[in-house]
Amino acid sequence: RMEAAVHQLAAIVESTDDAILATTLDGRILTWNPGAERLYGYTRSEVVGKHISVLHARQHPHTSLFERIGRGERVSRLETVNLTKDGRRVDVSLTVSPIVDRSGRIFSASTIAHDITERKLLDRMKDDFVGTVSHELRTPLTAIKGFIELVADGAAGPVTETQREFLEIAARNSDKLGALI
């Protein structure tokens, strides 16, 4: 049963789209699954034995991460940018966990890297859209508020009490809309 469980876990690791790798506690790559090959473009033989920094697009405090793993901590949802073999930047969410031997000693780390590039792109597009829409709404709203004030102050002629009430309602609602924007 144990052998069957090991084969089942190996099949899962080999078939996932996520990059799954193991490193030493000083950052040398020990294992590299097909998902890592697809995500980063490096074959197993090109990276096993190399330092994990070959994937980093910017400086990372490797020592502090590996110190945390060495203390038995698990790091989840660490978002960062990695580099592929061809230099393309890829946004990833990392889960890094300690690997222990039979005696309970931590001797390496496992990393699962999930590609979040598309999600990050959609987030940026959403932020750009919201920014554009809010700017496009704010501009005419400012003019509307200004004209309401001018009319209420009598700049366009005398204002009846009923008209003033209507203008106050319009001003309050434009303020509410401005706060929403």
N, C-alpha and C. Protein backbone atom coordinates (compact mmCIF):
# COMPACT_ATOMS: atom_id res chain seq x y z
N ARG A 1 0.83 -1.20 0.00
CA ARG A 1 0.00 0.00 0.00
C ARG A 1 0.87 1.26 0.00
N MET A 2 1.98 1.20 0.74
CA MET A 2 2.86 2.35 0.79
C MET A 2 3.45 2.63 -0.60
N GLU A 3 3.85 1.59 -1.30
CA GLU A 3 4.39 1.76 -2.63
C GLU A 3 3.33 2.34 -3.58
N ALA A 4 2.09 1.89 -3.45
CA ALA A 4 1.01 2.42 -4.28
C ALA A 4 0.78 3.89 -3.97
N ALA A 5 0.83 4.25 -2.69
CA ALA A 5 0.65 5.66 -2.30
C ALA A 5 1.77 6.53 -2.86
N VAL A 6 3.00 6.02 -2.83
CA VAL A 6 4.14 6.77 -3.38
C VAL A 6 3.96 6.96 -4.88
N HIS A 7 3.54 5.93 -5.58
CA HIS A 7 3.31 6.04 -7.03
C HIS A 7 2.18 7.03 -7.34
N GLN A 8 1.13 7.00 -6.52
CA GLN A 8 0.02 7.93 -6.71
C GLN A 8 0.47 9.37 -6.52
N LEU A 9 1.24 9.63 -5.45
CA LEU A 9 1.75 10.98 -5.22
C LEU A 9 2.69 11.41 -6.34
N ALA A 10 3.53 10.51 -6.81
CA ALA A 10 4.44 10.82 -7.91
C ALA A 10 3.65 11.18 -9.17
N ALA A 11 2.57 10.46 -9.43
CA ALA A 11 1.75 10.74 -10.60
C ALA A 11 1.11 12.12 -10.50
N ILE A 12 0.68 12.47 -9.31
CA ILE A 12 0.09 13.80 -9.10
C ILE A 12 1.13 14.88 -9.36
N VAL A 13 2.31 14.73 -8.79
CA VAL A 13 3.38 15.72 -8.96
C VAL A 13 3.77 15.84 -10.42
N GLU A 14 3.82 14.72 -11.12
CA GLU A 14 4.22 14.73 -12.52
C GLU A 14 3.15 15.32 -13.44
N SER A 15 1.89 15.25 -13.05
CA SER A 15 0.82 15.67 -13.97
C SER A 15 0.30 17.08 -13.71
N THR A 16 0.63 17.69 -12.60
CA THR A 16 0.08 19.01 -12.30
C THR A 16 0.69 20.09 -13.19
N ASP A 17 -0.07 21.15 -13.42
CA ASP A 17 0.45 22.30 -14.16
C ASP A 17 1.31 23.20 -13.28
N ASP A 18 1.20 23.06 -11.97
CA ASP A 18 2.02 23.86 -11.07
C ASP A 18 3.45 23.34 -11.07
N ALA A 19 4.38 24.27 -10.88
CA ALA A 19 5.78 23.88 -10.74
C ALA A 19 5.98 23.36 -9.32
N ILE A 20 6.54 22.18 -9.22
CA ILE A 20 6.84 21.60 -7.91
C ILE A 20 8.31 21.23 -7.93
N LEU A 21 9.04 21.75 -6.95
CA LEU A 21 10.47 21.48 -6.88
C LEU A 21 10.91 21.38 -5.43
N ALA A 22 12.04 20.77 -5.25
CA ALA A 22 12.65 20.69 -3.92
C ALA A 22 14.01 21.34 -4.01
N THR A 23 14.39 21.99 -2.92
CA THR A 23 15.71 22.63 -2.84
C THR A 23 16.37 22.26 -1.53
N THR A 24 17.68 22.40 -1.52
CA THR A 24 18.40 22.28 -0.26
C THR A 24 18.09 23.53 0.56
N LEU A 25 18.49 23.54 1.81
CA LEU A 25 18.23 24.71 2.65
C LEU A 25 19.11 25.91 2.29
N ASP A 26 20.08 25.69 1.41
CA ASP A 26 20.85 26.84 0.91
C ASP A 26 20.44 27.22 -0.51
N GLY A 27 19.35 26.61 -1.02
CA GLY A 27 18.76 27.05 -2.28
C GLY A 27 19.15 26.29 -3.53
N ARG A 28 19.85 25.18 -3.42
CA ARG A 28 20.20 24.38 -4.61
C ARG A 28 19.01 23.51 -5.01
N ILE A 29 18.69 23.49 -6.28
CA ILE A 29 17.54 22.74 -6.78
C ILE A 29 17.86 21.25 -6.80
N LEU A 30 16.97 20.46 -6.17
CA LEU A 30 17.14 19.00 -6.09
C LEU A 30 16.22 18.27 -7.06
N THR A 31 14.95 18.73 -7.14
CA THR A 31 13.98 18.08 -8.03
C THR A 31 13.24 19.15 -8.81
N TRP A 32 12.65 18.71 -9.93
CA TRP A 32 12.03 19.65 -10.88
C TRP A 32 10.99 18.86 -11.66
N ASN A 33 9.70 19.17 -11.49
CA ASN A 33 8.66 18.38 -12.17
C ASN A 33 8.35 18.94 -13.56
N PRO A 34 7.59 18.19 -14.38
CA PRO A 34 7.22 18.67 -15.72
C PRO A 34 6.46 20.00 -15.69
N GLY A 35 5.67 20.26 -14.64
CA GLY A 35 4.99 21.55 -14.53
C GLY A 35 5.99 22.69 -14.45
N ALA A 36 7.11 22.46 -13.75
CA ALA A 36 8.17 23.47 -13.67
C ALA A 36 8.82 23.66 -15.04
N GLU A 37 8.99 22.56 -15.78
CA GLU A 37 9.54 22.66 -17.13
C GLU A 37 8.64 23.52 -18.01
N ARG A 38 7.33 23.28 -17.92
CA ARG A 38 6.38 24.04 -18.76
C ARG A 38 6.33 25.51 -18.33
N LEU A 39 6.34 25.77 -17.03
CA LEU A 39 6.23 27.14 -16.54
C LEU A 39 7.49 27.95 -16.82
N TYR A 40 8.64 27.37 -16.54
CA TYR A 40 9.90 28.13 -16.63
C TYR A 40 10.70 27.89 -17.90
N GLY A 41 10.44 26.79 -18.61
CA GLY A 41 11.14 26.52 -19.85
C GLY A 41 12.46 25.78 -19.71
N TYR A 42 12.91 25.56 -18.49
CA TYR A 42 14.14 24.81 -18.25
C TYR A 42 13.81 23.32 -18.12
N THR A 43 14.66 22.47 -18.67
CA THR A 43 14.50 21.04 -18.43
C THR A 43 15.07 20.72 -17.05
N ARG A 44 14.72 19.57 -16.56
CA ARG A 44 15.22 19.12 -15.25
C ARG A 44 16.75 19.14 -15.23
N SER A 45 17.36 18.63 -16.28
CA SER A 45 18.83 18.55 -16.29
C SER A 45 19.50 19.92 -16.34
N GLU A 46 18.80 20.93 -16.83
CA GLU A 46 19.38 22.28 -16.90
C GLU A 46 19.41 22.99 -15.54
N VAL A 47 18.54 22.59 -14.62
CA VAL A 47 18.46 23.33 -13.36
C VAL A 47 18.83 22.56 -12.11
N VAL A 48 18.71 21.24 -12.14
CA VAL A 48 19.04 20.48 -10.94
C VAL A 48 20.51 20.75 -10.60
N GLY A 49 20.74 21.13 -9.35
CA GLY A 49 22.09 21.48 -8.88
C GLY A 49 22.38 22.96 -8.91
N LYS A 50 21.58 23.72 -9.65
CA LYS A 50 21.78 25.17 -9.71
C LYS A 50 21.03 25.84 -8.56
N HIS A 51 21.39 27.09 -8.29
CA HIS A 51 20.72 27.84 -7.22
C HIS A 51 19.37 28.37 -7.72
N ILE A 52 18.41 28.40 -6.84
CA ILE A 52 17.04 28.83 -7.16
C ILE A 52 17.01 30.27 -7.69
N SER A 53 18.04 31.03 -7.43
CA SER A 53 18.07 32.43 -7.88
C SER A 53 18.06 32.57 -9.40
N VAL A 54 18.31 31.48 -10.15
CA VAL A 54 18.22 31.57 -11.61
C VAL A 54 16.81 31.96 -12.05
N LEU A 55 15.82 31.76 -11.17
CA LEU A 55 14.43 32.07 -11.51
C LEU A 55 13.98 33.45 -11.06
N HIS A 56 14.79 34.15 -10.31
CA HIS A 56 14.31 35.38 -9.68
C HIS A 56 14.53 36.61 -10.54
N ALA A 57 13.45 37.35 -10.72
CA ALA A 57 13.49 38.57 -11.51
C ALA A 57 14.04 39.74 -10.71
N ARG A 58 13.98 39.65 -9.39
CA ARG A 58 14.52 40.71 -8.54
C ARG A 58 15.15 40.05 -7.32
N GLN A 59 15.91 40.84 -6.60
CA GLN A 59 16.60 40.29 -5.43
C GLN A 59 15.61 39.81 -4.39
N HIS A 60 15.86 38.66 -3.84
CA HIS A 60 15.02 38.09 -2.79
C HIS A 60 15.89 37.80 -1.58
N PRO A 61 15.34 37.98 -0.42
CA PRO A 61 16.09 37.61 0.78
C PRO A 61 16.05 36.09 0.99
N HIS A 62 16.81 35.35 0.14
CA HIS A 62 16.80 33.88 0.20
C HIS A 62 17.07 33.39 1.60
N THR A 63 18.06 34.00 2.23
CA THR A 63 18.47 33.49 3.54
C THR A 63 17.33 33.56 4.53
N SER A 64 16.58 34.64 4.55
CA SER A 64 15.50 34.74 5.53
C SER A 64 14.40 33.72 5.23
N LEU A 65 14.10 33.47 3.97
CA LEU A 65 13.09 32.47 3.63
C LEU A 65 13.57 31.08 4.04
N PHE A 66 14.81 30.77 3.70
CA PHE A 66 15.33 29.45 4.06
C PHE A 66 15.54 29.31 5.57
N GLU A 67 15.83 30.42 6.25
CA GLU A 67 15.90 30.36 7.72
C GLU A 67 14.54 30.01 8.30
N ARG A 68 13.49 30.61 7.76
CA ARG A 68 12.14 30.30 8.22
C ARG A 68 11.80 28.84 7.99
N ILE A 69 12.14 28.34 6.81
CA ILE A 69 11.89 26.93 6.49
C ILE A 69 12.71 26.06 7.45
N GLY A 70 13.95 26.44 7.70
CA GLY A 70 14.80 25.69 8.60
C GLY A 70 14.26 25.62 10.03
N ARG A 71 13.46 26.61 10.40
CA ARG A 71 12.81 26.61 11.72
C ARG A 71 11.50 25.82 11.70
N GLY A 72 11.14 25.29 10.54
CA GLY A 72 9.92 24.48 10.45
C GLY A 72 8.69 25.26 10.02
N GLU A 73 8.87 26.52 9.63
CA GLU A 73 7.72 27.32 9.18
C GLU A 73 7.35 26.96 7.75
N ARG A 74 6.11 27.18 7.45
CA ARG A 74 5.58 27.01 6.09
C ARG A 74 5.20 28.39 5.60
N VAL A 75 5.59 28.73 4.39
CA VAL A 75 5.27 30.04 3.82
C VAL A 75 4.24 29.82 2.71
N SER A 76 3.09 30.47 2.85
CA SER A 76 2.01 30.29 1.88
C SER A 76 1.69 31.60 1.16
N ARG A 77 1.29 31.45 -0.08
CA ARG A 77 0.82 32.56 -0.91
C ARG A 77 1.79 33.74 -0.98
N LEU A 78 3.06 33.42 -1.11
CA LEU A 78 4.08 34.44 -1.29
C LEU A 78 4.09 34.80 -2.77
N GLU A 79 3.62 36.00 -3.10
CA GLU A 79 3.55 36.41 -4.50
C GLU A 79 4.84 37.09 -4.90
N THR A 80 5.38 36.66 -6.03
CA THR A 80 6.63 37.21 -6.53
C THR A 80 6.66 37.11 -8.05
N VAL A 81 7.72 37.61 -8.64
CA VAL A 81 7.91 37.54 -10.09
C VAL A 81 9.13 36.67 -10.34
N ASN A 82 8.98 35.67 -11.20
CA ASN A 82 10.10 34.81 -11.60
C ASN A 82 10.41 35.05 -13.06
N LEU A 83 11.55 34.54 -13.49
CA LEU A 83 11.97 34.63 -14.89
C LEU A 83 11.94 33.25 -15.52
N THR A 84 11.50 33.20 -16.76
CA THR A 84 11.56 31.96 -17.52
C THR A 84 12.92 31.87 -18.21
N LYS A 85 13.20 30.76 -18.82
CA LYS A 85 14.47 30.56 -19.51
C LYS A 85 14.69 31.62 -20.59
N ASP A 86 13.60 32.00 -21.27
CA ASP A 86 13.73 33.00 -22.34
C ASP A 86 13.63 34.44 -21.85
N GLY A 87 13.64 34.64 -20.52
CA GLY A 87 13.65 35.99 -19.95
C GLY A 87 12.29 36.60 -19.71
N ARG A 88 11.24 35.87 -20.01
CA ARG A 88 9.89 36.38 -19.77
C ARG A 88 9.61 36.39 -18.27
N ARG A 89 8.92 37.43 -17.81
CA ARG A 89 8.54 37.54 -16.40
C ARG A 89 7.21 36.82 -16.18
N VAL A 90 7.13 36.08 -15.09
CA VAL A 90 5.91 35.34 -14.77
C VAL A 90 5.59 35.58 -13.30
N ASP A 91 4.35 36.02 -13.05
CA ASP A 91 3.88 36.21 -11.68
C ASP A 91 3.51 34.86 -11.11
N VAL A 92 4.02 34.56 -9.91
CA VAL A 92 3.73 33.28 -9.28
C VAL A 92 3.35 33.49 -7.82
N SER A 93 2.56 32.56 -7.33
CA SER A 93 2.25 32.47 -5.91
C SER A 93 2.95 31.22 -5.40
N LEU A 94 3.80 31.39 -4.40
CA LEU A 94 4.61 30.29 -3.90
C LEU A 94 4.10 29.77 -2.56
N THR A 95 4.19 28.47 -2.40
CA THR A 95 4.03 27.82 -1.11
C THR A 95 5.32 27.04 -0.88
N VAL A 96 6.02 27.39 0.19
CA VAL A 96 7.30 26.75 0.49
C VAL A 96 7.16 26.07 1.85
N SER A 97 7.50 24.78 1.88
CA SER A 97 7.34 23.97 3.10
C SER A 97 8.61 23.21 3.41
N PRO A 98 8.87 22.99 4.70
CA PRO A 98 10.03 22.18 5.06
C PRO A 98 9.79 20.70 4.75
N ILE A 99 10.85 19.99 4.42
CA ILE A 99 10.81 18.54 4.23
C ILE A 99 11.67 17.94 5.33
N VAL A 100 11.10 17.00 6.06
CA VAL A 100 11.82 16.39 7.18
C VAL A 100 12.16 14.94 6.89
N ASP A 101 13.25 14.49 7.48
CA ASP A 101 13.62 13.08 7.34
C ASP A 101 12.95 12.26 8.44
N ARG A 102 13.25 10.98 8.50
CA ARG A 102 12.61 10.10 9.47
C ARG A 102 12.86 10.50 10.92
N SER A 103 14.00 11.14 11.16
CA SER A 103 14.32 11.55 12.54
C SER A 103 13.68 12.89 12.90
N GLY A 104 13.01 13.51 11.92
CA GLY A 104 12.35 14.80 12.18
C GLY A 104 13.22 16.00 11.87
N ARG A 105 14.42 15.76 11.33
CA ARG A 105 15.33 16.84 10.97
C ARG A 105 14.92 17.43 9.62
N ILE A 106 14.87 18.76 9.55
CA ILE A 106 14.53 19.44 8.29
C ILE A 106 15.79 19.44 7.43
N PHE A 107 15.67 18.88 6.23
CA PHE A 107 16.86 18.80 5.38
C PHE A 107 16.69 19.47 4.02
N SER A 108 15.46 19.82 3.67
CA SER A 108 15.24 20.51 2.39
C SER A 108 13.89 21.22 2.43
N ALA A 109 13.56 21.85 1.30
CA ALA A 109 12.29 22.58 1.20
C ALA A 109 11.59 22.19 -0.08
N SER A 110 10.27 22.12 -0.01
CA SER A 110 9.49 21.90 -1.22
C SER A 110 8.82 23.22 -1.58
N THR A 111 8.76 23.48 -2.87
CA THR A 111 8.13 24.71 -3.35
C THR A 111 7.10 24.35 -4.40
N ILE A 112 5.93 24.93 -4.26
CA ILE A 112 4.90 24.84 -5.29
C ILE A 112 4.71 26.24 -5.82
N ALA A 113 4.90 26.43 -7.11
CA ALA A 113 4.74 27.73 -7.75
C ALA A 113 3.52 27.66 -8.67
N HIS A 114 2.55 28.50 -8.39
CA HIS A 114 1.32 28.56 -9.20
C HIS A 114 1.37 29.83 -10.04
N ASP A 115 1.21 29.69 -11.33
CA ASP A 115 1.25 30.82 -12.25
C ASP A 115 0.01 31.70 -12.06
N ILE A 116 0.22 32.94 -11.63
CA ILE A 116 -0.89 33.89 -11.43
C ILE A 116 -0.77 35.07 -12.39
N THR A 117 -0.02 34.90 -13.46
CA THR A 117 0.20 35.98 -14.42
C THR A 117 -1.12 36.49 -14.98
N GLU A 118 -1.99 35.58 -15.38
CA GLU A 118 -3.27 35.99 -15.97
C GLU A 118 -4.12 36.73 -14.94
N ARG A 119 -4.16 36.23 -13.72
CA ARG A 119 -4.93 36.90 -12.67
C ARG A 119 -4.39 38.30 -12.41
N LYS A 120 -3.06 38.45 -12.37
CA LYS A 120 -2.45 39.76 -12.14
C LYS A 120 -2.78 40.70 -13.30
N LEU A 121 -2.75 40.19 -14.52
CA LEU A 121 -3.10 41.00 -15.69
C LEU A 121 -4.54 41.46 -15.59
N LEU A 122 -5.44 40.57 -15.24
CA LEU A 122 -6.85 40.93 -15.09
C LEU A 122 -7.04 41.96 -13.98
N ASP A 123 -6.30 41.80 -12.88
CA ASP A 123 -6.37 42.79 -11.80
C ASP A 123 -5.92 44.16 -12.28
N ARG A 124 -4.80 44.20 -13.04
CA ARG A 124 -4.32 45.49 -13.56
C ARG A 124 -5.32 46.10 -14.53
N MET A 125 -5.92 45.25 -15.39
CA MET A 125 -6.92 45.75 -16.34
C MET A 125 -8.14 46.30 -15.60
N LYS A 126 -8.56 45.61 -14.55
CA LYS A 126 -9.70 46.06 -13.75
C LYS A 126 -9.37 47.40 -13.08
N ASP A 127 -8.17 47.49 -12.50
CA ASP A 127 -7.76 48.74 -11.85
C ASP A 127 -7.71 49.90 -12.85
N ASP A 128 -7.17 49.62 -14.04
CA ASP A 128 -7.12 50.66 -15.08
C ASP A 128 -8.53 51.08 -15.48
N PHE A 129 -9.42 50.11 -15.64
CA PHE A 129 -10.80 50.40 -16.03
C PHE A 129 -11.49 51.25 -14.96
N VAL A 130 -11.36 50.83 -13.71
CA VAL A 130 -12.00 51.58 -12.62
C VAL A 130 -11.43 52.99 -12.55
N GLY A 131 -10.11 53.12 -12.71
CA GLY A 131 -9.49 54.44 -12.68
C GLY A 131 -10.00 55.33 -13.80
N THR A 132 -10.10 54.76 -15.00
CA THR A 132 -10.60 55.53 -16.15
C THR A 132 -12.05 55.93 -15.96
N VAL A 133 -12.87 54.98 -15.55
CA VAL A 133 -14.30 55.26 -15.36
C VAL A 133 -14.50 56.31 -14.27
N SER A 134 -13.77 56.16 -13.15
CA SER A 134 -13.97 57.14 -12.08
C SER A 134 -13.52 58.53 -12.53
N HIS A 135 -12.44 58.61 -13.31
CA HIS A 135 -12.01 59.92 -13.82
C HIS A 135 -13.05 60.49 -14.77
N GLU A 136 -13.57 59.64 -15.67
CA GLU A 136 -14.55 60.10 -16.64
C GLU A 136 -15.86 60.51 -15.98
N LEU A 137 -16.21 59.93 -14.85
CA LEU A 137 -17.42 60.33 -14.12
C LEU A 137 -17.17 61.57 -13.27
N ARG A 138 -15.99 61.67 -12.69
CA ARG A 138 -15.67 62.79 -11.82
C ARG A 138 -15.66 64.11 -12.58
N THR A 139 -15.16 64.10 -13.81
CA THR A 139 -15.05 65.34 -14.59
C THR A 139 -16.41 66.00 -14.83
N PRO A 140 -17.41 65.31 -15.38
CA PRO A 140 -18.71 65.98 -15.57
C PRO A 140 -19.41 66.25 -14.24
N LEU A 141 -19.19 65.41 -13.24
CA LEU A 141 -19.82 65.63 -11.94
C LEU A 141 -19.34 66.94 -11.32
N THR A 142 -18.07 67.25 -11.49
CA THR A 142 -17.53 68.51 -10.98
C THR A 142 -18.24 69.70 -11.64
N ALA A 143 -18.46 69.61 -12.94
CA ALA A 143 -19.16 70.69 -13.65
C ALA A 143 -20.61 70.79 -13.16
N ILE A 144 -21.27 69.65 -12.98
CA ILE A 144 -22.66 69.65 -12.50
C ILE A 144 -22.74 70.32 -11.14
N LYS A 145 -21.85 69.93 -10.22
CA LYS A 145 -21.85 70.52 -8.87
C LYS A 145 -21.61 72.03 -8.94
N GLY A 146 -20.67 72.43 -9.81
CA GLY A 146 -20.38 73.87 -9.94
C GLY A 146 -21.58 74.66 -10.44
N PHE A 147 -22.27 74.12 -11.44
CA PHE A 147 -23.45 74.83 -11.96
C PHE A 147 -24.60 74.84 -10.96
N ILE A 148 -24.76 73.78 -10.20
CA ILE A 148 -25.80 73.76 -9.16
C ILE A 148 -25.53 74.88 -8.16
N GLU A 149 -24.27 75.03 -7.74
CA GLU A 149 -23.91 76.09 -6.79
C GLU A 149 -24.16 77.47 -7.38
N LEU A 150 -23.79 77.65 -8.66
CA LEU A 150 -24.01 78.95 -9.31
C LEU A 150 -25.49 79.31 -9.35
N VAL A 151 -26.31 78.34 -9.76
CA VAL A 151 -27.76 78.60 -9.84
C VAL A 151 -28.31 78.85 -8.44
N ALA A 152 -27.89 78.05 -7.45
CA ALA A 152 -28.38 78.22 -6.07
C ALA A 152 -27.97 79.57 -5.50
N ASP A 153 -26.81 80.09 -5.88
CA ASP A 153 -26.34 81.39 -5.40
C ASP A 153 -27.00 82.56 -6.15
N GLY A 154 -27.83 82.27 -7.14
CA GLY A 154 -28.55 83.31 -7.86
C GLY A 154 -27.79 83.87 -9.05
N ALA A 155 -26.70 83.26 -9.46
CA ALA A 155 -25.91 83.76 -10.58
C ALA A 155 -26.67 83.67 -11.90
N ALA A 156 -27.68 82.82 -11.97
CA ALA A 156 -28.47 82.67 -13.20
C ALA A 156 -29.82 83.37 -13.07
N GLY A 157 -29.96 84.17 -12.04
CA GLY A 157 -31.23 84.87 -11.81
C GLY A 157 -31.83 84.44 -10.48
N PRO A 158 -32.94 85.07 -10.13
CA PRO A 158 -33.57 84.77 -8.84
C PRO A 158 -34.04 83.32 -8.78
N VAL A 159 -33.95 82.76 -7.56
CA VAL A 159 -34.31 81.36 -7.32
C VAL A 159 -35.44 81.34 -6.29
N THR A 160 -36.50 80.61 -6.63
CA THR A 160 -37.61 80.49 -5.69
C THR A 160 -37.22 79.49 -4.59
N GLU A 161 -38.01 79.49 -3.52
CA GLU A 161 -37.74 78.56 -2.41
C GLU A 161 -37.85 77.11 -2.88
N THR A 162 -38.82 76.80 -3.71
CA THR A 162 -38.99 75.44 -4.25
C THR A 162 -37.79 75.05 -5.10
N GLN A 163 -37.34 75.98 -5.95
CA GLN A 163 -36.16 75.70 -6.78
C GLN A 163 -34.92 75.46 -5.90
N ARG A 164 -34.77 76.26 -4.83
CA ARG A 164 -33.63 76.11 -3.92
C ARG A 164 -33.64 74.71 -3.27
N GLU A 165 -34.85 74.23 -2.88
CA GLU A 165 -34.96 72.89 -2.30
C GLU A 165 -34.53 71.83 -3.31
N PHE A 166 -34.98 71.99 -4.56
CA PHE A 166 -34.60 71.05 -5.60
C PHE A 166 -33.08 71.07 -5.82
N LEU A 167 -32.50 72.26 -5.83
CA LEU A 167 -31.06 72.40 -6.02
C LEU A 167 -30.28 71.77 -4.85
N GLU A 168 -30.80 71.93 -3.63
CA GLU A 168 -30.15 71.32 -2.47
C GLU A 168 -30.19 69.79 -2.56
N ILE A 169 -31.31 69.25 -3.02
CA ILE A 169 -31.42 67.79 -3.21
C ILE A 169 -30.42 67.34 -4.27
N ALA A 170 -30.36 68.10 -5.39
CA ALA A 170 -29.42 67.76 -6.46
C ALA A 170 -27.97 67.84 -5.95
N ALA A 171 -27.65 68.86 -5.14
CA ALA A 171 -26.30 69.02 -4.59
C ALA A 171 -25.95 67.86 -3.65
N ARG A 172 -26.88 67.48 -2.77
CA ARG A 172 -26.63 66.36 -1.84
C ARG A 172 -26.40 65.06 -2.61
N ASN A 173 -27.22 64.84 -3.63
CA ASN A 173 -27.07 63.61 -4.41
C ASN A 173 -25.79 63.61 -5.25
N SER A 174 -25.38 64.77 -5.74
CA SER A 174 -24.10 64.82 -6.47
C SER A 174 -22.94 64.61 -5.51
N ASP A 175 -23.07 65.06 -4.26
CA ASP A 175 -22.03 64.79 -3.25
C ASP A 175 -21.96 63.29 -2.95
N LYS A 176 -23.14 62.64 -2.84
CA LYS A 176 -23.17 61.19 -2.61
C LYS A 176 -22.51 60.43 -3.77
N LEU A 177 -22.84 60.87 -4.99
CA LEU A 177 -22.26 60.24 -6.15
C LEU A 177 -20.74 60.44 -6.18
N GLY A 178 -20.30 61.66 -5.82
CA GLY A 178 -18.84 61.92 -5.75
C GLY A 178 -18.17 61.01 -4.71
N ALA A 179 -18.81 60.79 -3.59
CA ALA A 179 -18.24 59.91 -2.56
C ALA A 179 -18.18 58.47 -3.07
N LEU A 180 -19.20 58.04 -3.81
CA LEU A 180 -19.19 56.69 -4.38
C LEU A 180 -18.06 56.52 -5.39
N ILE A 181 -17.88 57.53 -6.21
CA ILE A 181 -16.83 57.47 -7.23
C ILE A 181 -15.48 57.41 -6.55
